[in-house]
Amino acid sequence: MYAFEVDALDRCEVRCAVQATGRVRIGWRKWVDCEIRDISCGGARLAVAGEIDLPEQFILISALFEGERVCMRRWEFGSETGVEFI
């Protein structure tokens, strides 16, 4: 079993698969497009271009929810990143 499969067993909320876009704010002025692959009340799985390194904490906006979500990076696997909403 892979580490990300074990983490899936420990989740408190069920994630729903989606195909949506979002934008990540890195620093004060830089915005990066991302793809939201699944989402729950407590977090999401994002995909960004391979050359982008997401910081430990950042802002995410999307049409899936109102306003901004402050995100904490929890795991990375290839171009995908798992985040927790804080």
PDB file of N, CA and C in Angstrom:
ATOM      1  N   MET A   1       0.846  -1.172   0.000  1.00  0.00           N
ATOM      2  CA  MET A   1       0.000   0.000   0.000  1.00  0.00           C
ATOM      3  C   MET A   1       0.897   1.243   0.000  1.00  0.00           C
ATOM      4  N   TYR A   2       0.540   2.238  -0.814  1.00  0.00           N
ATOM      5  CA  TYR A   2       1.299   3.478  -0.892  1.00  0.00           C
ATOM      6  C   TYR A   2       0.893   4.423   0.242  1.00  0.00           C
ATOM      7  N   ALA A   3       1.772   5.376   0.547  1.00  0.00           N
ATOM      8  CA  ALA A   3       1.511   6.308   1.638  1.00  0.00           C
ATOM      9  C   ALA A   3       0.228   7.091   1.418  1.00  0.00           C
ATOM     10  N   PHE A   4      -0.037   7.525   0.169  1.00  0.00           N
ATOM     11  CA  PHE A   4      -1.240   8.317  -0.065  1.00  0.00           C
ATOM     12  C   PHE A   4      -2.502   7.467   0.069  1.00  0.00           C
ATOM     13  N   GLU A   5      -2.421   6.152  -0.110  1.00  0.00           N
ATOM     14  CA  GLU A   5      -3.568   5.277   0.108  1.00  0.00           C
ATOM     15  C   GLU A   5      -3.871   5.135   1.598  1.00  0.00           C
ATOM     16  N   VAL A   6      -2.838   5.077   2.417  1.00  0.00           N
ATOM     17  CA  VAL A   6      -3.024   5.004   3.866  1.00  0.00           C
ATOM     18  C   VAL A   6      -3.654   6.294   4.363  1.00  0.00           C
ATOM     19  N   ASP A   7      -3.171   7.450   3.871  1.00  0.00           N
ATOM     20  CA  ASP A   7      -3.741   8.728   4.278  1.00  0.00           C
ATOM     21  C   ASP A   7      -5.222   8.805   3.930  1.00  0.00           C
ATOM     22  N   ALA A   8      -5.620   8.234   2.791  1.00  0.00           N
ATOM     23  CA  ALA A   8      -7.022   8.275   2.386  1.00  0.00           C
ATOM     24  C   ALA A   8      -7.904   7.550   3.398  1.00  0.00           C
ATOM     25  N   LEU A   9      -7.391   6.523   4.033  1.00  0.00           N
ATOM     26  CA  LEU A   9      -8.157   5.780   5.025  1.00  0.00           C
ATOM     27  C   LEU A   9      -8.364   6.586   6.298  1.00  0.00           C
ATOM     28  N   ASP A  10      -7.464   7.553   6.576  1.00  0.00           N
ATOM     29  CA  ASP A  10      -7.520   8.337   7.804  1.00  0.00           C
ATOM     30  C   ASP A  10      -8.302   9.645   7.656  1.00  0.00           C
ATOM     31  N   ARG A  11      -8.845   9.936   6.473  1.00  0.00           N
ATOM     32  CA  ARG A  11      -9.540  11.200   6.264  1.00  0.00           C
ATOM     33  C   ARG A  11     -10.819  11.269   7.081  1.00  0.00           C
ATOM     34  N   CYS A  12     -11.109  12.472   7.571  1.00  0.00           N
ATOM     35  CA  CYS A  12     -12.330  12.697   8.339  1.00  0.00           C
ATOM     36  C   CYS A  12     -13.526  12.940   7.428  1.00  0.00           C
ATOM     37  N   GLU A  13     -13.299  13.541   6.262  1.00  0.00           N
ATOM     38  CA  GLU A  13     -14.375  13.873   5.337  1.00  0.00           C
ATOM     39  C   GLU A  13     -14.185  13.145   4.019  1.00  0.00           C
ATOM     40  N   VAL A  14     -15.285  12.909   3.333  1.00  0.00           N
ATOM     41  CA  VAL A  14     -15.239  12.280   2.017  1.00  0.00           C
ATOM     42  C   VAL A  14     -14.941  13.350   0.987  1.00  0.00           C
ATOM     43  N   ARG A  15     -14.013  13.045   0.093  1.00  0.00           N
ATOM     44  CA  ARG A  15     -13.703  13.981  -0.981  1.00  0.00           C
ATOM     45  C   ARG A  15     -14.511  13.630  -2.215  1.00  0.00           C
ATOM     46  N   CYS A  16     -14.949  14.648  -2.924  1.00  0.00           N
ATOM     47  CA  CYS A  16     -15.715  14.482  -4.158  1.00  0.00           C
ATOM     48  C   CYS A  16     -14.823  14.807  -5.338  1.00  0.00           C
ATOM     49  N   ALA A  17     -14.786  13.916  -6.322  1.00  0.00           N
ATOM     50  CA  ALA A  17     -14.002  14.170  -7.529  1.00  0.00           C
ATOM     51  C   ALA A  17     -14.647  15.314  -8.307  1.00  0.00           C
ATOM     52  N   VAL A  18     -13.827  16.252  -8.761  1.00  0.00           N
ATOM     53  CA  VAL A  18     -14.296  17.388  -9.557  1.00  0.00           C
ATOM     54  C   VAL A  18     -13.282  17.659 -10.662  1.00  0.00           C
ATOM     55  N   GLN A  19     -13.705  18.389 -11.647  1.00  0.00           N
ATOM     56  CA  GLN A  19     -12.805  18.903 -12.676  1.00  0.00           C
ATOM     57  C   GLN A  19     -13.048  20.398 -12.742  1.00  0.00           C
ATOM     58  N   ALA A  20     -12.317  21.137 -11.929  1.00  0.00           N
ATOM     59  CA  ALA A  20     -12.509  22.580 -11.825  1.00  0.00           C
ATOM     60  C   ALA A  20     -11.162  23.274 -11.871  1.00  0.00           C
ATOM     61  N   THR A  21     -11.203  24.546 -12.160  1.00  0.00           N
ATOM     62  CA  THR A  21      -9.980  25.340 -12.161  1.00  0.00           C
ATOM     63  C   THR A  21      -9.977  26.256 -10.947  1.00  0.00           C
ATOM     64  N   GLY A  22      -8.799  26.682 -10.584  1.00  0.00           N
ATOM     65  CA  GLY A  22      -8.625  27.605  -9.482  1.00  0.00           C
ATOM     66  C   GLY A  22      -7.393  28.444  -9.731  1.00  0.00           C
ATOM     67  N   ARG A  23      -7.149  29.335  -8.811  1.00  0.00           N
ATOM     68  CA  ARG A  23      -5.945  30.172  -8.869  1.00  0.00           C
ATOM     69  C   ARG A  23      -5.320  30.186  -7.487  1.00  0.00           C
ATOM     70  N   VAL A  24      -4.009  30.045  -7.474  1.00  0.00           N
ATOM     71  CA  VAL A  24      -3.233  30.038  -6.239  1.00  0.00           C
ATOM     72  C   VAL A  24      -2.431  31.329  -6.177  1.00  0.00           C
ATOM     73  N   ARG A  25      -2.515  32.017  -5.041  1.00  0.00           N
ATOM     74  CA  ARG A  25      -1.706  33.226  -4.856  1.00  0.00           C
ATOM     75  C   ARG A  25      -0.432  32.840  -4.133  1.00  0.00           C
ATOM     76  N   ILE A  26       0.680  33.122  -4.786  1.00  0.00           N
ATOM     77  CA  ILE A  26       2.000  32.855  -4.213  1.00  0.00           C
ATOM     78  C   ILE A  26       2.646  34.206  -3.934  1.00  0.00           C
ATOM     79  N   GLY A  27       2.883  34.507  -2.693  1.00  0.00           N
ATOM     80  CA  GLY A  27       3.418  35.814  -2.342  1.00  0.00           C
ATOM     81  C   GLY A  27       2.325  36.865  -2.428  1.00  0.00           C
ATOM     82  N   TRP A  28       2.725  38.110  -2.666  1.00  0.00           N
ATOM     83  CA  TRP A  28       1.763  39.208  -2.690  1.00  0.00           C
ATOM     84  C   TRP A  28       1.123  39.418  -4.051  1.00  0.00           C
ATOM     85  N   ARG A  29       1.858  39.111  -5.132  1.00  0.00           N
ATOM     86  CA  ARG A  29       1.367  39.489  -6.453  1.00  0.00           C
ATOM     87  C   ARG A  29       1.265  38.362  -7.465  1.00  0.00           C
ATOM     88  N   LYS A  30       1.911  37.260  -7.253  1.00  0.00           N
ATOM     89  CA  LYS A  30       1.952  36.211  -8.265  1.00  0.00           C
ATOM     90  C   LYS A  30       0.764  35.257  -8.119  1.00  0.00           C
ATOM     91  N   TRP A  31       0.027  35.057  -9.212  1.00  0.00           N
ATOM     92  CA  TRP A  31      -1.089  34.119  -9.275  1.00  0.00           C
ATOM     93  C   TRP A  31      -0.752  33.006 -10.253  1.00  0.00           C
ATOM     94  N   VAL A  32      -1.065  31.774  -9.890  1.00  0.00           N
ATOM     95  CA  VAL A  32      -0.777  30.598 -10.704  1.00  0.00           C
ATOM     96  C   VAL A  32      -2.080  29.819 -10.889  1.00  0.00           C
ATOM     97  N   ASP A  33      -2.361  29.407 -12.121  1.00  0.00           N
ATOM     98  CA  ASP A  33      -3.543  28.588 -12.383  1.00  0.00           C
ATOM     99  C   ASP A  33      -3.318  27.170 -11.886  1.00  0.00           C
ATOM    100  N   CYS A  34      -4.390  26.532 -11.444  1.00  0.00           N
ATOM    101  CA  CYS A  34      -4.311  25.144 -10.993  1.00  0.00           C
ATOM    102  C   CYS A  34      -5.575  24.403 -11.392  1.00  0.00           C
ATOM    103  N   GLU A  35      -5.506  23.097 -11.320  1.00  0.00           N
ATOM    104  CA  GLU A  35      -6.668  22.248 -11.549  1.00  0.00           C
ATOM    105  C   GLU A  35      -7.035  21.620 -10.204  1.00  0.00           C
ATOM    106  N   ILE A  36      -8.305  21.692  -9.841  1.00  0.00           N
ATOM    107  CA  ILE A  36      -8.785  21.073  -8.611  1.00  0.00           C
ATOM    108  C   ILE A  36      -9.359  19.717  -9.006  1.00  0.00           C
ATOM    109  N   ARG A  37      -8.773  18.657  -8.476  1.00  0.00           N
ATOM    110  CA  ARG A  37      -9.170  17.299  -8.877  1.00  0.00           C
ATOM    111  C   ARG A  37     -10.155  16.654  -7.912  1.00  0.00           C
ATOM    112  N   ASP A  38     -10.074  16.998  -6.645  1.00  0.00           N
ATOM    113  CA  ASP A  38     -11.105  16.592  -5.690  1.00  0.00           C
ATOM    114  C   ASP A  38     -11.124  17.587  -4.540  1.00  0.00           C
ATOM    115  N   ILE A  39     -12.250  17.592  -3.815  1.00  0.00           N
ATOM    116  CA  ILE A  39     -12.428  18.597  -2.767  1.00  0.00           C
ATOM    117  C   ILE A  39     -13.345  18.042  -1.679  1.00  0.00           C
ATOM    118  N   SER A  40     -13.118  18.514  -0.463  1.00  0.00           N
ATOM    119  CA  SER A  40     -14.003  18.214   0.666  1.00  0.00           C
ATOM    120  C   SER A  40     -14.132  19.490   1.483  1.00  0.00           C
ATOM    121  N   CYS A  41     -14.854  19.419   2.578  1.00  0.00           N
ATOM    122  CA  CYS A  41     -14.965  20.591   3.457  1.00  0.00           C
ATOM    123  C   CYS A  41     -13.616  20.974   4.047  1.00  0.00           C
ATOM    124  N   GLY A  42     -12.737  19.998   4.235  1.00  0.00           N
ATOM    125  CA  GLY A  42     -11.475  20.247   4.915  1.00  0.00           C
ATOM    126  C   GLY A  42     -10.251  20.376   4.045  1.00  0.00           C
ATOM    127  N   GLY A  43     -10.361  20.085   2.719  1.00  0.00           N
ATOM    128  CA  GLY A  43      -9.176  20.163   1.888  1.00  0.00           C
ATOM    129  C   GLY A  43      -9.448  19.813   0.446  1.00  0.00           C
ATOM    130  N   ALA A  44      -8.362  19.699  -0.324  1.00  0.00           N
ATOM    131  CA  ALA A  44      -8.496  19.433  -1.754  1.00  0.00           C
ATOM    132  C   ALA A  44      -7.205  18.827  -2.294  1.00  0.00           C
ATOM    133  N   ARG A  45      -7.319  18.283  -3.514  1.00  0.00           N
ATOM    134  CA  ARG A  45      -6.150  17.804  -4.257  1.00  0.00           C
ATOM    135  C   ARG A  45      -6.024  18.687  -5.480  1.00  0.00           C
ATOM    136  N   LEU A  46      -4.873  19.351  -5.596  1.00  0.00           N
ATOM    137  CA  LEU A  46      -4.614  20.294  -6.675  1.00  0.00           C
ATOM    138  C   LEU A  46      -3.534  19.768  -7.597  1.00  0.00           C
ATOM    139  N   ALA A  47      -3.583  20.200  -8.850  1.00  0.00           N
ATOM    140  CA  ALA A  47      -2.512  19.918  -9.797  1.00  0.00           C
ATOM    141  C   ALA A  47      -2.042  21.250 -10.375  1.00  0.00           C
ATOM    142  N   VAL A  48      -0.737  21.465 -10.329  1.00  0.00           N
ATOM    143  CA  VAL A  48      -0.137  22.674 -10.896  1.00  0.00           C
ATOM    144  C   VAL A  48       0.968  22.251 -11.858  1.00  0.00           C
ATOM    145  N   ALA A  49       1.410  23.187 -12.687  1.00  0.00           N
ATOM    146  CA  ALA A  49       2.493  22.903 -13.619  1.00  0.00           C
ATOM    147  C   ALA A  49       3.726  22.430 -12.849  1.00  0.00           C
ATOM    148  N   GLY A  50       4.471  21.507 -13.432  1.00  0.00           N
ATOM    149  CA  GLY A  50       5.599  20.863 -12.767  1.00  0.00           C
ATOM    150  C   GLY A  50       6.678  21.792 -12.251  1.00  0.00           C
ATOM    151  N   GLU A  51       6.860  22.952 -12.879  1.00  0.00           N
ATOM    152  CA  GLU A  51       7.937  23.849 -12.453  1.00  0.00           C
ATOM    153  C   GLU A  51       7.545  24.765 -11.298  1.00  0.00           C
ATOM    154  N   ILE A  52       6.301  24.688 -10.848  1.00  0.00           N
ATOM    155  CA  ILE A  52       5.810  25.543  -9.767  1.00  0.00           C
ATOM    156  C   ILE A  52       5.960  24.815  -8.430  1.00  0.00           C
ATOM    157  N   ASP A  53       6.648  25.440  -7.491  1.00  0.00           N
ATOM    158  CA  ASP A  53       6.762  24.920  -6.128  1.00  0.00           C
ATOM    159  C   ASP A  53       5.821  25.720  -5.236  1.00  0.00           C
ATOM    160  N   LEU A  54       4.816  25.044  -4.714  1.00  0.00           N
ATOM    161  CA  LEU A  54       3.877  25.733  -3.834  1.00  0.00           C
ATOM    162  C   LEU A  54       4.492  25.921  -2.451  1.00  0.00           C
ATOM    163  N   PRO A  55       4.256  27.080  -1.841  1.00  0.00           N
ATOM    164  CA  PRO A  55       4.761  27.300  -0.474  1.00  0.00           C
ATOM    165  C   PRO A  55       3.964  26.474   0.532  1.00  0.00           C
ATOM    166  N   GLU A  56       4.397  26.467   1.772  1.00  0.00           N
ATOM    167  CA  GLU A  56       3.706  25.734   2.829  1.00  0.00           C
ATOM    168  C   GLU A  56       2.284  26.245   3.042  1.00  0.00           C
ATOM    169  N   GLN A  57       2.086  27.538   2.888  1.00  0.00           N
ATOM    170  CA  GLN A  57       0.777  28.145   3.088  1.00  0.00           C
ATOM    171  C   GLN A  57       0.507  29.111   1.948  1.00  0.00           C
ATOM    172  N   PHE A  58      -0.727  29.095   1.418  1.00  0.00           N
ATOM    173  CA  PHE A  58      -1.072  29.970   0.301  1.00  0.00           C
ATOM    174  C   PHE A  58      -2.579  30.158   0.235  1.00  0.00           C
ATOM    175  N   ILE A  59      -3.027  31.046  -0.656  1.00  0.00           N
ATOM    176  CA  ILE A  59      -4.434  31.363  -0.862  1.00  0.00           C
ATOM    177  C   ILE A  59      -4.916  30.668  -2.139  1.00  0.00           C
ATOM    178  N   LEU A  60      -6.119  30.067  -2.084  1.00  0.00           N
ATOM    179  CA  LEU A  60      -6.744  29.428  -3.238  1.00  0.00           C
ATOM    180  C   LEU A  60      -8.098  30.080  -3.482  1.00  0.00           C
ATOM    181  N   ILE A  61      -8.382  30.422  -4.754  1.00  0.00           N
ATOM    182  CA  ILE A  61      -9.711  30.896  -5.121  1.00  0.00           C
ATOM    183  C   ILE A  61     -10.242  30.004  -6.241  1.00  0.00           C
ATOM    184  N   SER A  62     -11.559  29.835  -6.270  1.00  0.00           N
ATOM    185  CA  SER A  62     -12.200  29.008  -7.290  1.00  0.00           C
ATOM    186  C   SER A  62     -13.687  29.328  -7.318  1.00  0.00           C
ATOM    187  N   ALA A  63     -14.332  28.994  -8.427  1.00  0.00           N
ATOM    188  CA  ALA A  63     -15.780  29.152  -8.534  1.00  0.00           C
ATOM    189  C   ALA A  63     -16.517  28.108  -7.701  1.00  0.00           C
ATOM    190  N   LEU A  64     -15.798  27.102  -7.187  1.00  0.00           N
ATOM    191  CA  LEU A  64     -16.422  26.060  -6.365  1.00  0.00           C
ATOM    192  C   LEU A  64     -16.870  26.567  -5.004  1.00  0.00           C
ATOM    193  N   PHE A  65     -16.284  27.677  -4.549  1.00  0.00           N
ATOM    194  CA  PHE A  65     -16.625  28.220  -3.236  1.00  0.00           C
ATOM    195  C   PHE A  65     -16.516  29.730  -3.268  1.00  0.00           C
ATOM    196  N   GLU A  66     -17.163  30.376  -2.307  1.00  0.00           N
ATOM    197  CA  GLU A  66     -17.113  31.832  -2.213  1.00  0.00           C
ATOM    198  C   GLU A  66     -15.853  32.282  -1.501  1.00  0.00           C
ATOM    199  N   GLY A  67     -15.313  33.371  -1.944  1.00  0.00           N
ATOM    200  CA  GLY A  67     -14.163  33.954  -1.269  1.00  0.00           C
ATOM    201  C   GLY A  67     -12.884  33.164  -1.468  1.00  0.00           C
ATOM    202  N   GLU A  68     -11.973  33.368  -0.544  1.00  0.00           N
ATOM    203  CA  GLU A  68     -10.657  32.729  -0.592  1.00  0.00           C
ATOM    204  C   GLU A  68     -10.571  31.630   0.448  1.00  0.00           C
ATOM    205  N   ARG A  69      -9.740  30.644   0.175  1.00  0.00           N
ATOM    206  CA  ARG A  69      -9.431  29.611   1.162  1.00  0.00           C
ATOM    207  C   ARG A  69      -7.935  29.674   1.444  1.00  0.00           C
ATOM    208  N   VAL A  70      -7.593  29.740   2.713  1.00  0.00           N
ATOM    209  CA  VAL A  70      -6.195  29.649   3.119  1.00  0.00           C
ATOM    210  C   VAL A  70      -5.863  28.163   3.179  1.00  0.00           C
ATOM    211  N   CYS A  71      -4.792  27.776   2.499  1.00  0.00           N
ATOM    212  CA  CYS A  71      -4.428  26.364   2.380  1.00  0.00           C
ATOM    213  C   CYS A  71      -3.071  26.089   3.005  1.00  0.00           C
ATOM    214  N   MET A  72      -2.951  24.918   3.612  1.00  0.00           N
ATOM    215  CA  MET A  72      -1.689  24.417   4.140  1.00  0.00           C
ATOM    216  C   MET A  72      -1.322  23.178   3.326  1.00  0.00           C
ATOM    217  N   ARG A  73      -0.141  23.187   2.736  1.00  0.00           N
ATOM    218  CA  ARG A  73       0.301  22.040   1.943  1.00  0.00           C
ATOM    219  C   ARG A  73       0.563  20.858   2.866  1.00  0.00           C
ATOM    220  N   ARG A  74      -0.039  19.693   2.560  1.00  0.00           N
ATOM    221  CA  ARG A  74       0.110  18.505   3.393  1.00  0.00           C
ATOM    222  C   ARG A  74       0.921  17.410   2.733  1.00  0.00           C
ATOM    223  N   TRP A  75       0.824  17.253   1.403  1.00  0.00           N
ATOM    224  CA  TRP A  75       1.601  16.237   0.713  1.00  0.00           C
ATOM    225  C   TRP A  75       1.764  16.632  -0.753  1.00  0.00           C
ATOM    226  N   GLU A  76       2.771  16.051  -1.397  1.00  0.00           N
ATOM    227  CA  GLU A  76       3.008  16.246  -2.828  1.00  0.00           C
ATOM    228  C   GLU A  76       3.354  14.899  -3.441  1.00  0.00           C
ATOM    229  N   PHE A  77       2.847  14.667  -4.651  1.00  0.00           N
ATOM    230  CA  PHE A  77       3.162  13.464  -5.395  1.00  0.00           C
ATOM    231  C   PHE A  77       3.131  13.838  -6.871  1.00  0.00           C
ATOM    232  N   GLY A  78       4.310  13.983  -7.472  1.00  0.00           N
ATOM    233  CA  GLY A  78       4.372  14.448  -8.861  1.00  0.00           C
ATOM    234  C   GLY A  78       3.869  15.878  -8.955  1.00  0.00           C
ATOM    235  N   SER A  79       2.926  16.101  -9.866  1.00  0.00           N
ATOM    236  CA  SER A  79       2.384  17.452 -10.049  1.00  0.00           C
ATOM    237  C   SER A  79       1.198  17.727  -9.138  1.00  0.00           C
ATOM    238  N   GLU A  80       0.792  16.764  -8.317  1.00  0.00           N
ATOM    239  CA  GLU A  80      -0.353  16.927  -7.441  1.00  0.00           C
ATOM    240  C   GLU A  80       0.059  17.288  -6.020  1.00  0.00           C
ATOM    241  N   THR A  81      -0.778  18.094  -5.392  1.00  0.00           N
ATOM    242  CA  THR A  81      -0.534  18.531  -4.015  1.00  0.00           C
ATOM    243  C   THR A  81      -1.831  18.405  -3.222  1.00  0.00           C
ATOM    244  N   GLY A  82      -1.752  17.819  -2.051  1.00  0.00           N
ATOM    245  CA  GLY A  82      -2.888  17.752  -1.153  1.00  0.00           C
ATOM    246  C   GLY A  82      -2.816  18.900  -0.177  1.00  0.00           C
ATOM    247  N   VAL A  83      -3.943  19.607   0.001  1.00  0.00           N
ATOM    248  CA  VAL A  83      -3.965  20.761   0.895  1.00  0.00           C
ATOM    249  C   VAL A  83      -5.071  20.614   1.921  1.00  0.00           C
ATOM    250  N   GLU A  84      -4.848  21.235   3.058  1.00  0.00           N
ATOM    251  CA  GLU A  84      -5.855  21.330   4.114  1.00  0.00           C
ATOM    252  C   GLU A  84      -6.294  22.787   4.182  1.00  0.00           C
ATOM    253  N   PHE A  85      -7.607  23.014   4.258  1.00  0.00           N
ATOM    254  CA  PHE A  85      -8.121  24.384   4.426  1.00  0.00           C
ATOM    255  C   PHE A  85      -7.989  24.751   5.897  1.00  0.00           C
ATOM    256  N   ILE A  86      -7.394  25.927   6.169  1.00  0.00           N
ATOM    257  CA  ILE A  86      -7.214  26.369   7.553  1.00  0.00           C
ATOM    258  C   ILE A  86      -7.904  27.704   7.781  1.00  0.00           C
TER     259      ILE A  86
END
